[in-house]
């Protein structure tokens, strides 16, 4: 039982991490489209945190 809860928690953490990465990639794409260099640098810094 404990093993199943642990595995479920790990899967949830990984899914959450992937969701955040996908969101950051989208935000970066939008910032690049707008040409907002400050926002691009900020999002790239956030992406480094999650790598």
Protein backbone atom coordinates (compact mmCIF):
# COMPACT_ATOMS: atom_id res chain seq x y z
CA UNK A 1 0.00 0.00 0.00
CA UNK A 2 2.73 2.45 0.92
CA UNK A 3 4.56 1.60 -2.30
CA UNK A 4 1.46 2.39 -4.38
CA UNK A 5 1.00 5.74 -2.64
CA UNK A 6 4.65 6.53 -3.18
CA UNK A 7 4.42 5.66 -6.87
CA UNK A 8 1.23 7.68 -7.26
CA UNK A 9 2.88 10.69 -5.62
CA UNK A 10 5.92 10.36 -7.89
CA UNK A 11 3.71 10.18 -10.98
CA UNK A 12 1.76 13.23 -9.82
CA UNK A 13 4.98 15.18 -9.24
CA UNK A 14 6.29 14.26 -12.68
CA UNK A 15 2.98 15.20 -14.34
CA UNK A 16 3.01 18.55 -12.52
CA UNK A 17 6.61 19.21 -13.58
CA UNK A 18 5.77 18.41 -17.21
CA UNK A 19 2.76 20.72 -17.06
CA UNK A 20 4.91 23.56 -15.78
CA UNK A 21 7.50 22.97 -18.50
CA UNK A 22 4.82 22.96 -21.20
CA UNK A 23 3.40 26.21 -19.83
CA UNK A 24 6.85 27.83 -19.77
CA UNK A 25 7.52 26.75 -23.35
CA UNK A 26 4.24 28.31 -24.47
CA UNK A 27 4.95 31.54 -22.58
CA UNK A 28 8.42 31.68 -24.15
CA UNK A 29 6.96 31.22 -27.62
CA UNK A 30 4.50 34.06 -27.04
CA UNK A 31 7.21 36.33 -25.62
CA UNK A 32 9.44 35.64 -28.63
CA UNK A 33 6.55 36.38 -30.99
CA UNK A 34 6.02 39.72 -29.25
CA UNK A 35 9.76 40.41 -29.18
CA UNK A 36 9.74 41.07 -25.42
CA UNK A 37 13.43 40.52 -24.58
CA UNK A 38 13.00 41.14 -20.84
CA UNK A 39 10.23 38.57 -20.59
CA UNK A 40 12.21 36.10 -22.71
CA UNK A 41 15.15 36.32 -20.28
CA UNK A 42 12.84 35.94 -17.28
CA UNK A 43 11.12 32.86 -18.70
CA UNK A 44 14.46 31.32 -19.72
CA UNK A 45 15.66 31.80 -16.12
CA UNK A 46 12.50 30.08 -14.85
CA UNK A 47 13.13 27.21 -17.27
CA UNK A 48 16.65 26.74 -15.87
CA UNK A 49 15.13 26.30 -12.42
CA UNK A 50 13.04 23.36 -13.64
CA UNK A 51 15.83 21.57 -15.54
